[in-house]
N, C-alpha and C. Protein backbone atom coordinates (compact mmCIF):
# COMPACT_ATOMS: atom_id res chain seq x y z
N PRO A 1 -19.61 119.99 -69.50
CA PRO A 1 -19.25 119.81 -68.11
C PRO A 1 -20.46 119.37 -67.29
N ALA A 2 -20.18 118.69 -66.22
CA ALA A 2 -21.24 118.24 -65.33
C ALA A 2 -21.83 119.41 -64.56
N PHE A 3 -23.06 119.24 -64.11
CA PHE A 3 -23.73 120.29 -63.34
C PHE A 3 -22.88 120.65 -62.12
N GLY A 4 -22.63 121.92 -61.91
CA GLY A 4 -21.85 122.38 -60.76
C GLY A 4 -20.35 122.33 -60.97
N GLN A 5 -19.91 121.84 -62.13
CA GLN A 5 -18.49 121.74 -62.40
C GLN A 5 -17.98 123.07 -62.96
N ALA A 6 -16.85 123.55 -62.44
CA ALA A 6 -16.28 124.80 -62.92
C ALA A 6 -15.85 124.65 -64.37
N VAL A 7 -16.08 125.68 -65.15
CA VAL A 7 -15.69 125.68 -66.55
C VAL A 7 -14.50 126.61 -66.73
N MET A 8 -13.45 126.11 -67.38
CA MET A 8 -12.27 126.93 -67.64
C MET A 8 -12.57 127.92 -68.75
N SER A 9 -12.10 129.13 -68.59
CA SER A 9 -12.30 130.14 -69.63
C SER A 9 -10.96 130.77 -69.97
N GLY A 10 -10.96 131.59 -71.01
CA GLY A 10 -9.74 132.28 -71.40
C GLY A 10 -9.22 133.12 -70.25
N GLY A 11 -7.91 133.20 -70.11
CA GLY A 11 -7.33 133.99 -69.03
C GLY A 11 -7.32 133.26 -67.71
N ALA A 12 -7.45 131.93 -67.74
CA ALA A 12 -7.46 131.15 -66.50
C ALA A 12 -6.12 131.30 -65.79
N ARG A 13 -6.14 131.17 -64.50
CA ARG A 13 -4.94 131.29 -63.68
C ARG A 13 -4.57 129.91 -63.14
N GLY A 14 -3.36 129.78 -62.63
CA GLY A 14 -2.96 128.55 -61.96
C GLY A 14 -1.87 127.79 -62.67
N VAL A 15 -1.83 126.49 -62.38
CA VAL A 15 -0.81 125.59 -62.93
C VAL A 15 -1.49 124.56 -63.82
N PHE A 16 -0.94 124.35 -65.00
CA PHE A 16 -1.50 123.41 -65.96
C PHE A 16 -0.41 122.41 -66.36
N ALA A 17 -0.81 121.17 -66.61
CA ALA A 17 0.14 120.14 -67.04
C ALA A 17 -0.40 119.47 -68.30
N PHE A 18 0.52 119.20 -69.24
CA PHE A 18 0.16 118.60 -70.52
C PHE A 18 1.16 117.51 -70.85
N SER A 19 0.69 116.31 -71.14
CA SER A 19 1.60 115.27 -71.59
C SER A 19 1.96 115.55 -73.04
N ALA A 20 3.16 115.13 -73.44
CA ALA A 20 3.61 115.43 -74.80
C ALA A 20 4.70 114.47 -75.24
N GLN A 21 4.83 114.34 -76.55
CA GLN A 21 5.94 113.61 -77.13
C GLN A 21 7.05 114.63 -77.35
N LEU A 22 8.18 114.46 -76.66
CA LEU A 22 9.27 115.44 -76.73
C LEU A 22 10.18 115.22 -77.93
N SER A 23 10.34 113.98 -78.33
CA SER A 23 11.09 113.64 -79.54
C SER A 23 10.56 112.29 -80.03
N LYS A 24 11.23 111.69 -81.02
CA LYS A 24 10.71 110.46 -81.63
C LYS A 24 10.39 109.38 -80.60
N ASN A 25 11.27 109.16 -79.64
CA ASN A 25 11.08 108.10 -78.65
C ASN A 25 11.04 108.61 -77.21
N THR A 26 10.78 109.89 -77.04
CA THR A 26 10.82 110.49 -75.71
C THR A 26 9.48 111.14 -75.39
N TYR A 27 8.97 110.84 -74.21
CA TYR A 27 7.70 111.40 -73.77
C TYR A 27 7.91 112.14 -72.46
N GLY A 28 6.99 113.04 -72.17
CA GLY A 28 7.13 113.77 -70.94
C GLY A 28 5.92 114.62 -70.64
N VAL A 29 6.14 115.61 -69.79
CA VAL A 29 5.07 116.48 -69.32
C VAL A 29 5.55 117.92 -69.35
N TYR A 30 4.70 118.80 -69.89
CA TYR A 30 4.93 120.25 -69.79
C TYR A 30 4.09 120.74 -68.62
N VAL A 31 4.68 121.56 -67.76
CA VAL A 31 3.95 122.17 -66.66
C VAL A 31 4.08 123.69 -66.83
N VAL A 32 2.95 124.38 -66.82
CA VAL A 32 2.92 125.82 -67.01
C VAL A 32 2.30 126.46 -65.78
N ASP A 33 3.03 127.38 -65.16
CA ASP A 33 2.49 128.16 -64.05
C ASP A 33 2.20 129.56 -64.59
N VAL A 34 0.93 129.83 -64.82
CA VAL A 34 0.52 131.09 -65.44
C VAL A 34 0.84 132.27 -64.51
N ASP A 35 0.62 132.10 -63.21
CA ASP A 35 0.85 133.19 -62.27
C ASP A 35 2.33 133.54 -62.14
N ALA A 36 3.20 132.53 -62.11
CA ALA A 36 4.64 132.77 -61.98
C ALA A 36 5.32 132.97 -63.33
N MET A 37 4.56 132.84 -64.43
CA MET A 37 5.10 132.99 -65.78
C MET A 37 6.31 132.08 -66.01
N THR A 38 6.10 130.78 -65.73
CA THR A 38 7.18 129.81 -65.82
C THR A 38 6.67 128.54 -66.49
N VAL A 39 7.55 127.90 -67.26
CA VAL A 39 7.24 126.61 -67.87
C VAL A 39 8.36 125.64 -67.51
N TRP A 40 7.98 124.37 -67.23
CA TRP A 40 8.93 123.31 -66.97
C TRP A 40 8.63 122.16 -67.91
N VAL A 41 9.66 121.41 -68.25
CA VAL A 41 9.49 120.21 -69.07
C VAL A 41 10.14 119.06 -68.32
N TYR A 42 9.35 118.02 -68.10
CA TYR A 42 9.84 116.80 -67.45
C TYR A 42 9.86 115.69 -68.48
N GLU A 43 10.99 114.99 -68.57
CA GLU A 43 11.15 113.85 -69.48
C GLU A 43 10.88 112.57 -68.69
N TYR A 44 10.05 111.68 -69.24
CA TYR A 44 9.79 110.40 -68.59
C TYR A 44 10.90 109.43 -68.95
N LEU A 45 11.52 108.83 -67.93
CA LEU A 45 12.58 107.83 -68.12
C LEU A 45 12.00 106.46 -67.78
N PRO A 46 11.52 105.70 -68.79
CA PRO A 46 10.84 104.44 -68.51
C PRO A 46 11.73 103.40 -67.83
N GLN A 47 13.03 103.39 -68.15
CA GLN A 47 13.94 102.41 -67.54
C GLN A 47 14.10 102.64 -66.04
N LYS A 48 13.89 103.87 -65.57
CA LYS A 48 13.99 104.19 -64.15
C LYS A 48 12.62 104.41 -63.52
N GLY A 49 11.60 104.56 -64.35
CA GLY A 49 10.25 104.78 -63.85
C GLY A 49 10.08 106.12 -63.15
N CYS A 50 10.76 107.14 -63.67
CA CYS A 50 10.67 108.45 -63.03
C CYS A 50 10.67 109.57 -64.07
N LEU A 51 10.44 110.78 -63.60
CA LEU A 51 10.52 111.98 -64.43
C LEU A 51 11.81 112.72 -64.13
N ARG A 52 12.43 113.25 -65.18
CA ARG A 52 13.65 114.04 -65.04
C ARG A 52 13.35 115.45 -65.51
N LEU A 53 13.72 116.45 -64.73
CA LEU A 53 13.54 117.83 -65.15
C LEU A 53 14.47 118.09 -66.33
N ALA A 54 13.89 118.37 -67.50
CA ALA A 54 14.67 118.56 -68.72
C ALA A 54 14.92 120.04 -69.00
N ALA A 55 13.96 120.90 -68.61
CA ALA A 55 14.11 122.33 -68.89
C ALA A 55 13.16 123.11 -67.99
N ALA A 56 13.54 124.34 -67.74
CA ALA A 56 12.68 125.27 -66.99
C ALA A 56 13.03 126.67 -67.44
N ARG A 57 12.00 127.51 -67.54
CA ARG A 57 12.26 128.87 -68.00
C ARG A 57 11.10 129.79 -67.60
N THR A 58 11.46 131.02 -67.29
CA THR A 58 10.46 132.05 -67.09
C THR A 58 10.27 132.79 -68.41
N TRP A 59 9.06 133.23 -68.67
CA TRP A 59 8.80 134.06 -69.85
C TRP A 59 8.44 135.48 -69.43
N ARG A 60 8.76 135.83 -68.19
CA ARG A 60 8.46 137.15 -67.65
C ARG A 60 8.94 138.27 -68.59
N TYR A 61 10.12 138.12 -69.14
CA TYR A 61 10.67 139.15 -70.02
C TYR A 61 10.49 138.83 -71.49
N ASP A 62 10.44 137.53 -71.81
CA ASP A 62 10.29 137.12 -73.22
C ASP A 62 9.07 137.77 -73.86
N ARG A 63 8.00 137.89 -73.13
CA ARG A 63 6.74 138.39 -73.69
C ARG A 63 6.84 139.84 -74.15
N TYR A 64 7.88 140.56 -73.73
CA TYR A 64 8.05 141.95 -74.15
C TYR A 64 8.90 142.11 -75.40
N LEU A 65 9.58 141.04 -75.82
CA LEU A 65 10.38 141.13 -77.03
C LEU A 65 9.47 141.19 -78.24
N GLU A 66 9.79 142.05 -79.18
CA GLU A 66 8.94 142.23 -80.34
C GLU A 66 9.39 141.41 -81.54
N ASN A 67 10.70 141.18 -81.67
CA ASN A 67 11.19 140.48 -82.85
C ASN A 67 12.51 139.82 -82.50
N HIS A 68 12.45 138.54 -82.15
CA HIS A 68 13.67 137.85 -81.75
C HIS A 68 13.49 136.34 -81.90
N ASN A 69 14.56 135.64 -82.29
CA ASN A 69 14.51 134.18 -82.43
C ASN A 69 15.92 133.63 -82.28
N ILE A 70 16.19 132.98 -81.14
CA ILE A 70 17.50 132.38 -80.90
C ILE A 70 17.38 131.35 -79.78
N CYS A 71 18.21 130.31 -79.82
CA CYS A 71 18.27 129.33 -78.74
C CYS A 71 19.31 129.78 -77.72
N ASP A 72 19.33 129.13 -76.60
CA ASP A 72 20.35 129.37 -75.56
C ASP A 72 20.39 130.82 -75.10
N LEU A 73 19.23 131.36 -74.81
CA LEU A 73 19.14 132.75 -74.36
C LEU A 73 18.59 132.78 -72.94
N PRO A 74 19.45 133.05 -71.93
CA PRO A 74 18.98 133.04 -70.55
C PRO A 74 18.05 134.23 -70.26
N PRO A 75 17.14 134.06 -69.30
CA PRO A 75 16.18 135.13 -68.97
C PRO A 75 16.85 136.47 -68.61
N GLU A 76 18.02 136.43 -67.98
CA GLU A 76 18.69 137.68 -67.61
C GLU A 76 19.08 138.49 -68.85
N VAL A 77 19.50 137.79 -69.90
CA VAL A 77 19.87 138.47 -71.14
C VAL A 77 18.61 139.05 -71.80
N VAL A 78 17.53 138.29 -71.77
CA VAL A 78 16.27 138.79 -72.32
C VAL A 78 15.81 140.03 -71.56
N GLU A 79 15.93 140.00 -70.23
CA GLU A 79 15.56 141.16 -69.42
C GLU A 79 16.34 142.39 -69.87
N GLN A 80 17.64 142.24 -70.10
CA GLN A 80 18.45 143.38 -70.54
C GLN A 80 18.05 143.83 -71.93
N MET A 81 17.73 142.89 -72.81
CA MET A 81 17.29 143.25 -74.16
C MET A 81 16.00 144.05 -74.11
N VAL A 82 15.07 143.62 -73.25
CA VAL A 82 13.80 144.33 -73.11
C VAL A 82 14.05 145.74 -72.58
N GLU A 83 14.92 145.86 -71.59
CA GLU A 83 15.23 147.19 -71.04
C GLU A 83 15.87 148.07 -72.11
N ASP A 84 16.79 147.52 -72.90
CA ASP A 84 17.41 148.28 -73.99
C ASP A 84 16.36 148.72 -75.00
N GLN A 85 15.44 147.82 -75.33
CA GLN A 85 14.36 148.13 -76.26
C GLN A 85 13.49 149.26 -75.73
N ARG A 86 13.15 149.20 -74.45
CA ARG A 86 12.32 150.25 -73.83
C ARG A 86 13.05 151.60 -73.84
N GLN A 87 14.33 151.58 -73.51
CA GLN A 87 15.10 152.82 -73.51
C GLN A 87 15.19 153.42 -74.91
N TYR A 88 15.38 152.57 -75.90
CA TYR A 88 15.45 153.03 -77.28
C TYR A 88 14.14 153.71 -77.68
N LYS A 89 13.02 153.07 -77.36
CA LYS A 89 11.71 153.65 -77.69
C LYS A 89 11.49 154.96 -76.95
N LEU A 90 11.90 155.01 -75.69
CA LEU A 90 11.75 156.22 -74.90
C LEU A 90 12.56 157.36 -75.51
N ARG A 91 13.81 157.09 -75.86
CA ARG A 91 14.65 158.12 -76.49
C ARG A 91 14.07 158.56 -77.82
N SER A 92 13.56 157.61 -78.61
CA SER A 92 12.97 157.95 -79.91
C SER A 92 11.77 158.86 -79.73
N THR A 93 10.95 158.56 -78.74
CA THR A 93 9.76 159.38 -78.46
C THR A 93 10.17 160.77 -77.98
N GLU A 94 11.17 160.83 -77.12
CA GLU A 94 11.64 162.12 -76.61
C GLU A 94 12.24 162.97 -77.72
N ASP A 95 12.95 162.33 -78.66
CA ASP A 95 13.56 163.05 -79.77
C ASP A 95 12.51 163.66 -80.70
N GLN A 96 11.33 163.07 -80.76
CA GLN A 96 10.28 163.56 -81.64
C GLN A 96 9.47 164.68 -81.00
N MET A 97 9.61 164.87 -79.70
CA MET A 97 8.84 165.91 -79.02
C MET A 97 9.44 167.28 -79.32
N PRO A 98 8.57 168.30 -79.47
CA PRO A 98 9.09 169.65 -79.77
C PRO A 98 9.83 170.25 -78.59
């Protein structure tokens, strides 16, 4: 980095954007908001010269899941799964107490 230029380190905050190939002939941009725990995917439409919002999702609850893999899972369902998981662990811990 240049003198006086801020250096990014692990645990950085803010919004980040990354260009990417989304499929064989499709390109776009991933945008990640670390503070809001959200990711968006924009698909570039060359024939129109614009970006189209292709996907958006929060990972606020996803990060608490310990073992799961499925498509088409809305954040509200993940939130409930996490709550069920927490309750199960709490009950298991309480059952083990004398």
